[in-house]
Protein backbone atom coordinates (compact mmCIF):
# COMPACT_ATOMS: atom_id res chain seq x y z
CA MET A 1 130.30 129.84 27.75
CA GLU A 2 129.94 126.73 25.65
CA GLU A 3 129.04 123.40 27.14
CA GLN A 4 131.91 121.07 27.89
CA ASN A 5 130.81 118.53 25.28
CA GLU A 6 130.67 121.17 22.57
CA LEU A 7 134.21 122.47 23.07
CA THR A 8 136.82 121.11 20.75
CA TYR A 9 140.29 120.37 22.03
CA SER A 10 141.61 123.43 20.19
CA GLN A 11 138.94 125.67 21.67
CA ALA A 12 139.67 124.42 25.19
CA VAL A 13 143.40 124.98 24.74
CA GLY A 14 142.77 128.46 23.29
CA GLU A 15 140.59 129.46 26.23
CA LEU A 16 143.15 128.02 28.62
CA GLU A 17 145.88 130.11 26.99
CA GLN A 18 143.73 133.23 27.40
CA ILE A 19 143.19 132.49 31.07
CA ILE A 20 146.89 131.92 31.62
CA ALA A 21 147.69 135.23 29.93
CA LYS A 22 145.21 137.02 32.21
CA MET A 23 146.70 135.35 35.28
CA GLN A 24 150.24 136.29 34.26
CA SER A 25 149.31 139.89 33.54
CA PRO A 26 150.35 142.55 36.05
CA GLU A 27 146.76 143.81 35.82
CA CYS A 28 145.34 140.44 36.92
CA ASP A 29 142.16 141.00 38.91
CA ILE A 30 142.92 139.22 42.18
CA ASP A 31 139.19 138.96 42.91
CA ARG A 32 138.79 136.82 39.77
CA LEU A 33 141.83 134.62 40.40
CA ALA A 34 139.79 131.82 42.00
CA SER A 35 137.32 131.75 39.09
CA TYR A 36 140.21 131.78 36.57
CA THR A 37 141.78 128.84 38.38
CA SER A 38 138.50 126.94 38.52
CA ARG A 39 137.81 127.41 34.80
CA ALA A 40 141.39 126.45 33.94
CA LEU A 41 140.92 123.21 35.88
CA GLN A 42 137.69 122.47 33.98
CA LEU A 43 139.46 123.08 30.67
CA LEU A 44 142.37 120.84 31.64
CA LYS A 45 139.92 118.04 32.47
CA ILE A 46 138.23 118.48 29.09
CA CYS A 47 141.59 118.30 27.32
CA LYS A 48 142.63 115.23 29.30
CA GLU A 49 139.37 113.43 28.50
CA LYS A 50 139.69 114.21 24.80
CA LEU A 51 143.33 113.07 24.71
CA LEU A 52 142.52 109.82 26.52
CA HIS A 53 139.59 109.15 24.19
CA THR A 54 141.76 109.77 21.13
CA ASP A 55 144.51 107.53 22.54
CA GLU A 56 142.00 104.70 23.05
CA GLU A 57 140.68 105.08 19.51
CA LEU A 58 144.19 105.02 18.05
CA LYS A 59 145.09 101.90 20.04
CA ARG A 60 141.95 100.18 18.77
CA CYS A 61 142.84 101.09 15.19
CA LEU A 62 146.37 99.80 15.58
CA GLU A 63 145.10 96.53 17.08
CA GLU A 64 143.00 96.00 13.98
CA LEU A 65 146.15 96.18 11.86
CA ASP A 66 147.73 93.25 13.68
């Protein structure tokens, strides 16, 4: 698994989509459900941090235009 700082937003979303597909599958391994949920939470946090950082950068850029 890649380190959190090395994942791009797209990679995190892609991995999250894979996890969701596994969890929705009728063949979902119930013994892995907790680890799937934990990793999904980590990925969501990564995405949130990246979105917030991008939002701050965009706001700073727009302030410079004024």
